[in-house]
Amino acid sequence: MPVKPLDRRAKMTRELLKQSLIELMKDRPIHEISIKKICETADINRSTFYHHYDSQYELFNEILNDVSHEIAQIVAKHQTSIVWLEEILCEALTYVDVNKDTILVILGDNSGFSVGESFASLIDRFIDTSSEQSNEALKYCIQFAAAGMTTVVWNWLNAQNRMSAQELAHMMTVLLKPSIGKFSLFPLQ
């Protein structure tokens, strides 16, 4: 039997629960956050929570999947066209900026999430691993870039007077060009 799409009320409830968990995770790790506290913050009954999720970890995983899906969509829509890495980064950084609170929680210590590893695997999904250029050096290059980009994004989001997403995308492209450009992952001219 096909899965029915969520109705508008269910979507709103899920969004409210996600926002509540993000708000709570600004101050404490996920393992210290109870379902009761999430429900109080969202002003939702526990039974409603359990109608949608089994645990706070399942809720957090859905948040991670949502962010991953959105960034993957940005990359995927450019995959069939010749687009500069800088344009992809600018669009992704704009998304990150708009969703700053969520991204800071995901990148922060309270999530217990290995962002660099997950980011590298996300990038890896968009690279043709069957080509001759896909090798161990490329994997290290991706891991290096993912860790560096994660740190830069964290610092950028926390800066008071920060550069624009477009300026940061340009800087990242300049930094990535010598290594990633060597592997022809994206057109970098």
N, C-alpha and C. Protein backbone atom coordinates (compact mmCIF):
# COMPACT_ATOMS: atom_id res chain seq x y z
N MET A 1 0.84 -1.16 0.00
CA MET A 1 0.00 0.00 0.00
C MET A 1 0.90 1.24 0.00
N PRO A 2 0.63 2.23 -0.89
CA PRO A 2 1.46 3.42 -0.94
C PRO A 2 1.31 4.27 0.32
N VAL A 3 2.38 4.95 0.67
CA VAL A 3 2.37 5.82 1.84
C VAL A 3 1.65 7.12 1.48
N LYS A 4 0.70 7.50 2.33
CA LYS A 4 -0.03 8.75 2.09
C LYS A 4 0.85 9.93 2.49
N PRO A 5 0.81 10.99 1.70
CA PRO A 5 1.55 12.18 2.10
C PRO A 5 0.95 12.78 3.37
N LEU A 6 1.76 13.46 4.14
CA LEU A 6 1.27 14.07 5.37
C LEU A 6 0.32 15.21 5.04
N ASP A 7 -0.72 15.33 5.85
CA ASP A 7 -1.60 16.46 5.65
C ASP A 7 -0.96 17.72 6.25
N ARG A 8 -1.55 18.84 5.98
CA ARG A 8 -0.98 20.13 6.39
C ARG A 8 -0.81 20.22 7.90
N ARG A 9 -1.76 19.71 8.66
CA ARG A 9 -1.68 19.76 10.12
C ARG A 9 -0.52 18.90 10.64
N ALA A 10 -0.34 17.73 10.06
CA ALA A 10 0.77 16.85 10.47
C ALA A 10 2.12 17.49 10.13
N LYS A 11 2.20 18.13 8.97
CA LYS A 11 3.44 18.82 8.59
C LYS A 11 3.75 19.95 9.58
N MET A 12 2.73 20.69 9.95
CA MET A 12 2.92 21.79 10.90
C MET A 12 3.36 21.27 12.27
N THR A 13 2.78 20.16 12.69
CA THR A 13 3.16 19.55 13.97
C THR A 13 4.62 19.11 13.93
N ARG A 14 5.01 18.46 12.87
CA ARG A 14 6.41 18.02 12.73
C ARG A 14 7.37 19.20 12.73
N GLU A 15 7.01 20.26 12.03
CA GLU A 15 7.86 21.45 12.00
C GLU A 15 7.98 22.07 13.38
N LEU A 16 6.88 22.12 14.11
CA LEU A 16 6.90 22.66 15.46
C LEU A 16 7.79 21.82 16.38
N LEU A 17 7.71 20.50 16.26
CA LEU A 17 8.57 19.62 17.05
C LEU A 17 10.04 19.81 16.69
N LYS A 18 10.33 19.95 15.40
CA LYS A 18 11.72 20.19 14.96
C LYS A 18 12.24 21.50 15.52
N GLN A 19 11.44 22.55 15.42
CA GLN A 19 11.85 23.86 15.94
C GLN A 19 12.09 23.79 17.45
N SER A 20 11.26 23.06 18.15
CA SER A 20 11.40 22.94 19.60
C SER A 20 12.69 22.21 19.95
N LEU A 21 12.98 21.13 19.25
CA LEU A 21 14.22 20.40 19.52
C LEU A 21 15.43 21.26 19.21
N ILE A 22 15.42 21.98 18.11
CA ILE A 22 16.55 22.86 17.76
C ILE A 22 16.74 23.91 18.85
N GLU A 23 15.65 24.50 19.30
CA GLU A 23 15.74 25.51 20.36
C GLU A 23 16.35 24.93 21.63
N LEU A 24 15.92 23.75 22.01
CA LEU A 24 16.44 23.11 23.23
C LEU A 24 17.91 22.70 23.07
N MET A 25 18.29 22.29 21.88
CA MET A 25 19.66 21.84 21.65
C MET A 25 20.66 22.98 21.60
N LYS A 26 20.20 24.20 21.58
CA LYS A 26 21.11 25.35 21.66
C LYS A 26 21.81 25.38 23.01
N ASP A 27 21.13 24.84 24.04
CA ASP A 27 21.64 24.93 25.40
C ASP A 27 22.09 23.61 26.01
N ARG A 28 21.68 22.49 25.43
CA ARG A 28 22.05 21.20 26.04
C ARG A 28 22.12 20.10 24.98
N PRO A 29 22.89 19.06 25.28
CA PRO A 29 23.01 17.95 24.33
C PRO A 29 21.70 17.18 24.20
N ILE A 30 21.56 16.53 23.08
CA ILE A 30 20.31 15.81 22.77
C ILE A 30 20.01 14.73 23.81
N HIS A 31 21.04 14.07 24.34
CA HIS A 31 20.77 13.00 25.31
C HIS A 31 20.24 13.54 26.64
N GLU A 32 20.31 14.85 26.87
CA GLU A 32 19.75 15.46 28.07
C GLU A 32 18.36 16.05 27.85
N ILE A 33 17.84 15.91 26.66
CA ILE A 33 16.54 16.49 26.33
C ILE A 33 15.49 15.38 26.32
N SER A 34 14.50 15.56 27.14
CA SER A 34 13.44 14.55 27.24
C SER A 34 12.33 14.85 26.23
N ILE A 35 11.58 13.82 25.94
CA ILE A 35 10.40 13.98 25.08
C ILE A 35 9.42 14.93 25.76
N LYS A 36 9.31 14.81 27.06
CA LYS A 36 8.42 15.68 27.82
C LYS A 36 8.79 17.14 27.60
N LYS A 37 10.08 17.46 27.66
CA LYS A 37 10.53 18.84 27.48
C LYS A 37 10.27 19.32 26.05
N ILE A 38 10.49 18.46 25.07
CA ILE A 38 10.20 18.82 23.68
C ILE A 38 8.72 19.15 23.53
N CYS A 39 7.88 18.31 24.13
CA CYS A 39 6.43 18.51 24.03
C CYS A 39 5.98 19.79 24.75
N GLU A 40 6.58 20.06 25.91
CA GLU A 40 6.25 21.30 26.63
C GLU A 40 6.64 22.52 25.79
N THR A 41 7.82 22.48 25.20
CA THR A 41 8.30 23.60 24.39
C THR A 41 7.42 23.80 23.17
N ALA A 42 6.98 22.70 22.58
CA ALA A 42 6.14 22.77 21.38
C ALA A 42 4.66 22.96 21.71
N ASP A 43 4.32 22.82 22.99
CA ASP A 43 2.93 22.88 23.44
C ASP A 43 2.09 21.82 22.72
N ILE A 44 2.63 20.60 22.76
CA ILE A 44 2.01 19.45 22.10
C ILE A 44 1.97 18.29 23.10
N ASN A 45 0.95 17.47 23.03
CA ASN A 45 0.83 16.30 23.90
C ASN A 45 1.87 15.24 23.53
N ARG A 46 2.28 14.49 24.54
CA ARG A 46 3.25 13.42 24.29
C ARG A 46 2.71 12.39 23.30
N SER A 47 1.43 12.11 23.38
CA SER A 47 0.86 11.12 22.45
C SER A 47 0.97 11.62 21.01
N THR A 48 0.87 12.91 20.81
CA THR A 48 1.04 13.48 19.47
C THR A 48 2.48 13.30 19.01
N PHE A 49 3.43 13.53 19.92
CA PHE A 49 4.84 13.31 19.58
C PHE A 49 5.03 11.87 19.12
N TYR A 50 4.54 10.92 19.93
CA TYR A 50 4.74 9.50 19.61
C TYR A 50 3.96 9.05 18.37
N HIS A 51 2.99 9.82 17.97
CA HIS A 51 2.30 9.54 16.72
C HIS A 51 3.24 9.78 15.53
N HIS A 52 4.20 10.70 15.70
CA HIS A 52 5.11 11.07 14.62
C HIS A 52 6.51 10.46 14.76
N TYR A 53 7.00 10.34 15.99
CA TYR A 53 8.38 9.90 16.23
C TYR A 53 8.44 8.94 17.40
N ASP A 54 9.47 8.09 17.39
CA ASP A 54 9.69 7.17 18.50
C ASP A 54 10.59 7.77 19.57
N SER A 55 11.45 8.71 19.18
CA SER A 55 12.40 9.29 20.13
C SER A 55 12.89 10.64 19.64
N GLN A 56 13.58 11.35 20.52
CA GLN A 56 14.19 12.62 20.14
C GLN A 56 15.29 12.39 19.10
N TYR A 57 15.89 11.22 19.10
CA TYR A 57 16.94 10.90 18.12
C TYR A 57 16.35 10.73 16.72
N GLU A 58 15.18 10.12 16.66
CA GLU A 58 14.50 9.98 15.37
C GLU A 58 14.11 11.35 14.83
N LEU A 59 13.63 12.22 15.72
CA LEU A 59 13.29 13.58 15.33
C LEU A 59 14.53 14.31 14.81
N PHE A 60 15.64 14.19 15.53
CA PHE A 60 16.88 14.85 15.10
C PHE A 60 17.37 14.29 13.76
N ASN A 61 17.25 12.98 13.59
CA ASN A 61 17.65 12.38 12.31
C ASN A 61 16.82 12.92 11.15
N GLU A 62 15.55 13.19 11.40
CA GLU A 62 14.73 13.79 10.34
C GLU A 62 15.21 15.21 10.02
N ILE A 63 15.62 15.95 11.04
CA ILE A 63 16.18 17.29 10.80
C ILE A 63 17.43 17.17 9.94
N LEU A 64 18.31 16.24 10.29
CA LEU A 64 19.53 16.02 9.51
C LEU A 64 19.21 15.63 8.08
N ASN A 65 18.24 14.75 7.92
CA ASN A 65 17.84 14.33 6.57
C ASN A 65 17.26 15.48 5.77
N ASP A 66 16.49 16.34 6.42
CA ASP A 66 15.93 17.51 5.74
C ASP A 66 17.04 18.42 5.21
N VAL A 67 18.02 18.71 6.06
CA VAL A 67 19.14 19.59 5.66
C VAL A 67 19.95 18.92 4.55
N SER A 68 20.25 17.66 4.73
CA SER A 68 21.02 16.92 3.71
C SER A 68 20.28 16.91 2.38
N HIS A 69 18.97 16.71 2.44
CA HIS A 69 18.15 16.68 1.22
C HIS A 69 18.17 18.04 0.52
N GLU A 70 18.04 19.10 1.28
CA GLU A 70 18.03 20.44 0.68
C GLU A 70 19.37 20.76 0.01
N ILE A 71 20.46 20.44 0.68
CA ILE A 71 21.78 20.71 0.09
C ILE A 71 22.00 19.80 -1.11
N ALA A 72 21.57 18.56 -1.01
CA ALA A 72 21.68 17.64 -2.14
C ALA A 72 20.89 18.15 -3.34
N GLN A 73 19.72 18.73 -3.08
CA GLN A 73 18.90 19.30 -4.16
C GLN A 73 19.63 20.45 -4.85
N ILE A 74 20.31 21.27 -4.07
CA ILE A 74 21.07 22.39 -4.64
C ILE A 74 22.15 21.86 -5.57
N VAL A 75 22.89 20.86 -5.11
CA VAL A 75 23.96 20.29 -5.93
C VAL A 75 23.38 19.56 -7.13
N ALA A 76 22.33 18.79 -6.92
CA ALA A 76 21.76 17.97 -8.00
C ALA A 76 21.19 18.81 -9.13
N LYS A 77 20.59 19.93 -8.81
CA LYS A 77 20.01 20.72 -9.89
C LYS A 77 21.07 21.33 -10.80
N HIS A 78 22.30 21.40 -10.31
CA HIS A 78 23.39 21.93 -11.12
C HIS A 78 24.22 20.81 -11.76
N GLN A 79 23.93 19.58 -11.40
CA GLN A 79 24.75 18.45 -11.83
C GLN A 79 24.73 18.24 -13.34
N THR A 80 23.64 18.53 -13.98
CA THR A 80 23.54 18.29 -15.41
C THR A 80 23.94 19.50 -16.25
N SER A 81 24.21 20.61 -15.60
CA SER A 81 24.61 21.80 -16.34
C SER A 81 26.05 22.15 -15.99
N ILE A 82 26.63 22.95 -16.83
CA ILE A 82 27.98 23.42 -16.53
C ILE A 82 27.81 24.66 -15.67
N VAL A 83 28.13 24.51 -14.42
CA VAL A 83 27.99 25.61 -13.48
C VAL A 83 29.26 25.70 -12.66
N TRP A 84 29.60 26.84 -12.25
CA TRP A 84 30.80 27.03 -11.46
C TRP A 84 30.57 26.55 -10.04
N LEU A 85 31.61 25.99 -9.46
CA LEU A 85 31.55 25.57 -8.06
C LEU A 85 31.12 26.75 -7.18
N GLU A 86 31.58 27.92 -7.51
CA GLU A 86 31.25 29.11 -6.73
C GLU A 86 29.74 29.35 -6.68
N GLU A 87 29.06 29.11 -7.77
CA GLU A 87 27.60 29.29 -7.80
C GLU A 87 26.90 28.28 -6.90
N ILE A 88 27.37 27.04 -6.93
CA ILE A 88 26.80 26.00 -6.07
C ILE A 88 27.03 26.36 -4.61
N LEU A 89 28.27 26.75 -4.29
CA LEU A 89 28.60 27.12 -2.91
C LEU A 89 27.78 28.31 -2.45
N CYS A 90 27.62 29.29 -3.31
CA CYS A 90 26.85 30.49 -2.95
C CYS A 90 25.40 30.12 -2.63
N GLU A 91 24.80 29.29 -3.44
CA GLU A 91 23.42 28.87 -3.19
C GLU A 91 23.33 28.04 -1.91
N ALA A 92 24.29 27.14 -1.70
CA ALA A 92 24.29 26.32 -0.49
C ALA A 92 24.51 27.18 0.75
N LEU A 93 25.43 28.14 0.68
CA LEU A 93 25.68 29.03 1.82
C LEU A 93 24.49 29.94 2.11
N THR A 94 23.78 30.34 1.09
CA THR A 94 22.56 31.13 1.30
C THR A 94 21.54 30.30 2.06
N TYR A 95 21.39 29.02 1.68
CA TYR A 95 20.49 28.12 2.41
C TYR A 95 20.94 27.98 3.87
N VAL A 96 22.24 27.80 4.07
CA VAL A 96 22.80 27.66 5.41
C VAL A 96 22.51 28.92 6.24
N ASP A 97 22.69 30.08 5.63
CA ASP A 97 22.46 31.34 6.32
C ASP A 97 20.99 31.50 6.72
N VAL A 98 20.09 31.16 5.83
CA VAL A 98 18.65 31.26 6.12
C VAL A 98 18.26 30.30 7.26
N ASN A 99 18.95 29.17 7.35
CA ASN A 99 18.67 28.14 8.35
C ASN A 99 19.75 28.10 9.43
N LYS A 100 20.25 29.26 9.78
CA LYS A 100 21.40 29.41 10.68
C LYS A 100 21.23 28.66 12.00
N ASP A 101 20.11 28.82 12.68
CA ASP A 101 19.92 28.17 13.99
C ASP A 101 20.04 26.66 13.88
N THR A 102 19.40 26.10 12.88
CA THR A 102 19.45 24.65 12.68
C THR A 102 20.87 24.19 12.37
N ILE A 103 21.54 24.89 11.49
CA ILE A 103 22.90 24.51 11.09
C ILE A 103 23.85 24.62 12.26
N LEU A 104 23.74 25.68 13.07
CA LEU A 104 24.62 25.82 14.24
C LEU A 104 24.42 24.69 15.24
N VAL A 105 23.17 24.25 15.40
CA VAL A 105 22.92 23.12 16.30
C VAL A 105 23.52 21.84 15.72
N ILE A 106 23.35 21.64 14.43
CA ILE A 106 23.89 20.44 13.80
C ILE A 106 25.42 20.41 13.90
N LEU A 107 26.05 21.55 13.66
CA LEU A 107 27.51 21.61 13.70
C LEU A 107 28.06 21.67 15.12
N GLY A 108 27.21 22.01 16.08
CA GLY A 108 27.66 22.20 17.45
C GLY A 108 27.90 20.90 18.21
N ASP A 109 28.47 21.07 19.39
CA ASP A 109 28.81 19.94 20.24
C ASP A 109 27.59 19.19 20.76
N ASN A 110 26.45 19.86 20.88
CA ASN A 110 25.28 19.23 21.46
C ASN A 110 24.63 18.18 20.57
N SER A 111 25.00 18.15 19.29
CA SER A 111 24.38 17.18 18.39
C SER A 111 25.05 15.81 18.47
N GLY A 112 26.32 15.78 18.84
CA GLY A 112 27.04 14.50 18.86
C GLY A 112 27.16 13.90 17.47
N PHE A 113 27.13 14.75 16.47
CA PHE A 113 27.07 14.33 15.08
C PHE A 113 28.41 14.57 14.41
N SER A 114 28.88 13.60 13.65
CA SER A 114 30.14 13.74 12.91
C SER A 114 29.86 14.42 11.58
N VAL A 115 29.89 15.75 11.59
CA VAL A 115 29.50 16.52 10.43
C VAL A 115 30.47 16.35 9.27
N GLY A 116 31.76 16.41 9.55
CA GLY A 116 32.74 16.30 8.48
C GLY A 116 32.59 15.02 7.69
N GLU A 117 32.40 13.92 8.38
CA GLU A 117 32.25 12.62 7.72
C GLU A 117 30.97 12.58 6.89
N SER A 118 29.89 13.09 7.45
CA SER A 118 28.63 13.09 6.72
C SER A 118 28.68 14.02 5.53
N PHE A 119 29.31 15.18 5.69
CA PHE A 119 29.43 16.14 4.60
C PHE A 119 30.26 15.54 3.47
N ALA A 120 31.34 14.83 3.83
CA ALA A 120 32.17 14.18 2.82
C ALA A 120 31.38 13.11 2.07
N SER A 121 30.55 12.36 2.77
CA SER A 121 29.76 11.33 2.09
C SER A 121 28.70 11.96 1.19
N LEU A 122 28.18 13.13 1.60
CA LEU A 122 27.22 13.84 0.75
C LEU A 122 27.90 14.28 -0.54
N ILE A 123 29.08 14.87 -0.44
CA ILE A 123 29.83 15.30 -1.62
C ILE A 123 30.15 14.09 -2.49
N ASP A 124 30.53 13.01 -1.85
CA ASP A 124 30.91 11.79 -2.56
C ASP A 124 29.76 11.25 -3.42
N ARG A 125 28.51 11.47 -3.00
CA ARG A 125 27.36 11.00 -3.77
C ARG A 125 27.27 11.64 -5.14
N PHE A 126 27.88 12.82 -5.30
CA PHE A 126 27.76 13.56 -6.54
C PHE A 126 29.02 13.44 -7.41
N ILE A 127 29.89 12.53 -7.05
CA ILE A 127 31.12 12.33 -7.81
C ILE A 127 31.08 10.95 -8.43
N ASP A 128 31.45 10.87 -9.66
CA ASP A 128 31.46 9.59 -10.38
C ASP A 128 32.63 8.76 -9.87
N THR A 129 32.34 7.79 -9.01
CA THR A 129 33.40 6.98 -8.42
C THR A 129 33.89 5.88 -9.36
N SER A 130 33.29 5.77 -10.54
CA SER A 130 33.75 4.75 -11.48
C SER A 130 34.85 5.27 -12.40
N SER A 131 35.09 6.56 -12.39
CA SER A 131 36.09 7.12 -13.29
C SER A 131 37.51 6.82 -12.81
N GLU A 132 38.44 6.97 -13.70
CA GLU A 132 39.84 6.74 -13.36
C GLU A 132 40.33 7.74 -12.32
N GLN A 133 39.71 8.91 -12.30
CA GLN A 133 40.15 9.95 -11.38
C GLN A 133 39.66 9.70 -9.96
N SER A 134 38.71 8.79 -9.78
CA SER A 134 38.26 8.47 -8.43
C SER A 134 39.24 7.50 -7.82
N ASN A 135 39.98 7.99 -6.87
CA ASN A 135 41.00 7.16 -6.24
C ASN A 135 41.16 7.59 -4.79
N GLU A 136 42.11 7.00 -4.15
CA GLU A 136 42.32 7.29 -2.74
C GLU A 136 42.66 8.75 -2.50
N ALA A 137 43.46 9.35 -3.38
CA ALA A 137 43.81 10.76 -3.22
C ALA A 137 42.58 11.64 -3.28
N LEU A 138 41.65 11.32 -4.15
CA LEU A 138 40.41 12.09 -4.27
C LEU A 138 39.60 11.98 -2.97
N LYS A 139 39.53 10.81 -2.40
CA LYS A 139 38.78 10.62 -1.15
C LYS A 139 39.38 11.49 -0.04
N TYR A 140 40.72 11.53 0.04
CA TYR A 140 41.38 12.36 1.05
C TYR A 140 41.12 13.84 0.77
N CYS A 141 41.11 14.20 -0.47
CA CYS A 141 40.85 15.58 -0.86
C CYS A 141 39.43 15.99 -0.41
N ILE A 142 38.47 15.11 -0.62
CA ILE A 142 37.09 15.38 -0.22
C ILE A 142 36.99 15.52 1.29
N GLN A 143 37.63 14.62 2.02
CA GLN A 143 37.59 14.68 3.48
C GLN A 143 38.23 15.97 4.00
N PHE A 144 39.35 16.34 3.39
CA PHE A 144 40.05 17.57 3.77
C PHE A 144 39.16 18.78 3.52
N ALA A 145 38.58 18.84 2.33
CA ALA A 145 37.72 19.96 1.97
C ALA A 145 36.49 20.02 2.88
N ALA A 146 35.88 18.87 3.17
CA ALA A 146 34.68 18.82 4.01
C ALA A 146 34.98 19.33 5.41
N ALA A 147 36.09 18.89 5.99
CA ALA A 147 36.45 19.34 7.33
C ALA A 147 36.74 20.83 7.35
N GLY A 148 37.47 21.30 6.36
CA GLY A 148 37.79 22.73 6.29
C GLY A 148 36.55 23.58 6.07
N MET A 149 35.68 23.14 5.16
CA MET A 149 34.47 23.90 4.87
C MET A 149 33.54 23.94 6.08
N THR A 150 33.47 22.84 6.81
CA THR A 150 32.63 22.79 8.01
C THR A 150 33.11 23.81 9.04
N THR A 151 34.41 23.87 9.26
CA THR A 151 34.98 24.82 10.21
C THR A 151 34.75 26.25 9.76
N VAL A 152 34.97 26.51 8.48
CA VAL A 152 34.76 27.85 7.95
C VAL A 152 33.30 28.27 8.09
N VAL A 153 32.37 27.39 7.76
CA VAL A 153 30.94 27.70 7.87
C VAL A 153 30.57 27.97 9.33
N TRP A 154 31.08 27.17 10.24
CA TRP A 154 30.82 27.37 11.68
C TRP A 154 31.28 28.76 12.10
N ASN A 155 32.51 29.11 11.76
CA ASN A 155 33.04 30.41 12.13
C ASN A 155 32.28 31.55 11.45
N TRP A 156 31.92 31.37 10.21
CA TRP A 156 31.17 32.38 9.46
C TRP A 156 29.81 32.64 10.11
N LEU A 157 29.10 31.58 10.46
CA LEU A 157 27.78 31.74 11.07
C LEU A 157 27.85 32.40 12.44
N ASN A 158 28.98 32.23 13.13
CA ASN A 158 29.13 32.81 14.47
C ASN A 158 29.75 34.21 14.47
N ALA A 159 30.20 34.68 13.31
CA ALA A 159 30.85 36.00 13.23
C ALA A 159 29.81 37.12 13.34
N GLN A 160 30.21 38.23 13.95
CA GLN A 160 29.32 39.38 14.09
C GLN A 160 29.12 40.11 12.76
N ASN A 161 30.17 40.65 12.23
CA ASN A 161 30.12 41.39 10.96
C ASN A 161 30.76 40.51 9.90
N ARG A 162 29.95 39.64 9.34
CA ARG A 162 30.52 38.65 8.43
C ARG A 162 30.30 39.01 6.97
N MET A 163 31.13 38.37 6.16
CA MET A 163 31.00 38.58 4.72
C MET A 163 29.73 37.91 4.21
N SER A 164 29.34 38.27 3.01
CA SER A 164 28.13 37.69 2.41
C SER A 164 28.39 36.25 1.99
N ALA A 165 27.31 35.54 1.71
CA ALA A 165 27.43 34.17 1.21
C ALA A 165 28.21 34.15 -0.10
N GLN A 166 28.00 35.14 -0.93
CA GLN A 166 28.70 35.21 -2.21
C GLN A 166 30.20 35.42 -2.01
N GLU A 167 30.58 36.28 -1.07
CA GLU A 167 32.00 36.52 -0.79
C GLU A 167 32.65 35.25 -0.23
N LEU A 168 31.95 34.57 0.68
CA LEU A 168 32.50 33.34 1.26
C LEU A 168 32.61 32.25 0.20
N ALA A 169 31.62 32.14 -0.67
CA ALA A 169 31.67 31.15 -1.76
C ALA A 169 32.87 31.41 -2.65
N HIS A 170 33.15 32.67 -2.94
CA HIS A 170 34.31 33.02 -3.77
C HIS A 170 35.61 32.61 -3.06
N MET A 171 35.71 32.95 -1.77
CA MET A 171 36.91 32.60 -1.01
C MET A 171 37.11 31.08 -0.97
N MET A 172 36.04 30.34 -0.71
CA MET A 172 36.15 28.88 -0.65
C MET A 172 36.56 28.32 -2.01
N THR A 173 36.02 28.86 -3.06
CA THR A 173 36.38 28.40 -4.41
C THR A 173 37.86 28.62 -4.67
N VAL A 174 38.36 29.78 -4.29
CA VAL A 174 39.79 30.08 -4.48
C VAL A 174 40.64 29.08 -3.69
N LEU A 175 40.21 28.76 -2.48
CA LEU A 175 40.96 27.82 -1.65
C LEU A 175 40.87 26.38 -2.16
N LEU A 176 39.70 26.00 -2.68
CA LEU A 176 39.49 24.63 -3.14
C LEU A 176 40.05 24.37 -4.53
N LYS A 177 40.15 25.40 -5.32
CA LYS A 177 40.51 25.25 -6.73
C LYS A 177 41.80 24.45 -6.96
N PRO A 178 42.88 24.72 -6.24
CA PRO A 178 44.11 23.97 -6.53
C PRO A 178 44.01 22.47 -6.29
N SER A 179 43.24 22.07 -5.26
CA SER A 179 43.18 20.63 -4.97
C SER A 179 42.02 19.94 -5.69
N ILE A 180 40.81 20.44 -5.52
CA ILE A 180 39.66 19.77 -6.12
C ILE A 180 39.67 19.95 -7.64
N GLY A 181 40.11 21.11 -8.09
CA GLY A 181 40.17 21.35 -9.53
C GLY A 181 41.06 20.35 -10.25
N LYS A 182 42.06 19.86 -9.55
CA LYS A 182 42.98 18.86 -10.11
C LYS A 182 42.26 17.58 -10.48
N PHE A 183 41.19 17.29 -9.74
CA PHE A 183 40.43 16.06 -9.97
C PHE A 183 39.22 16.28 -10.87
N SER A 184 39.04 17.48 -11.36
CA SER A 184 37.95 17.83 -12.29
C SER A 184 36.57 17.44 -11.73
N LEU A 185 36.35 17.72 -10.46
CA LEU A 185 35.05 17.43 -9.87
C LEU A 185 34.00 18.40 -10.37
N PHE A 186 34.38 19.65 -10.46
CA PHE A 186 33.48 20.70 -10.90
C PHE A 186 34.28 21.60 -11.84
N PRO A 187 33.63 22.28 -12.77
CA PRO A 187 34.34 23.27 -13.56
C PRO A 187 34.74 24.44 -12.66
N LEU A 188 36.02 24.77 -12.61
CA LEU A 188 36.49 25.77 -11.66
C LEU A 188 37.17 26.96 -12.31
N GLN A 189 36.94 27.23 -13.55
CA GLN A 189 37.66 28.34 -14.18
C GLN A 189 37.16 29.67 -13.74
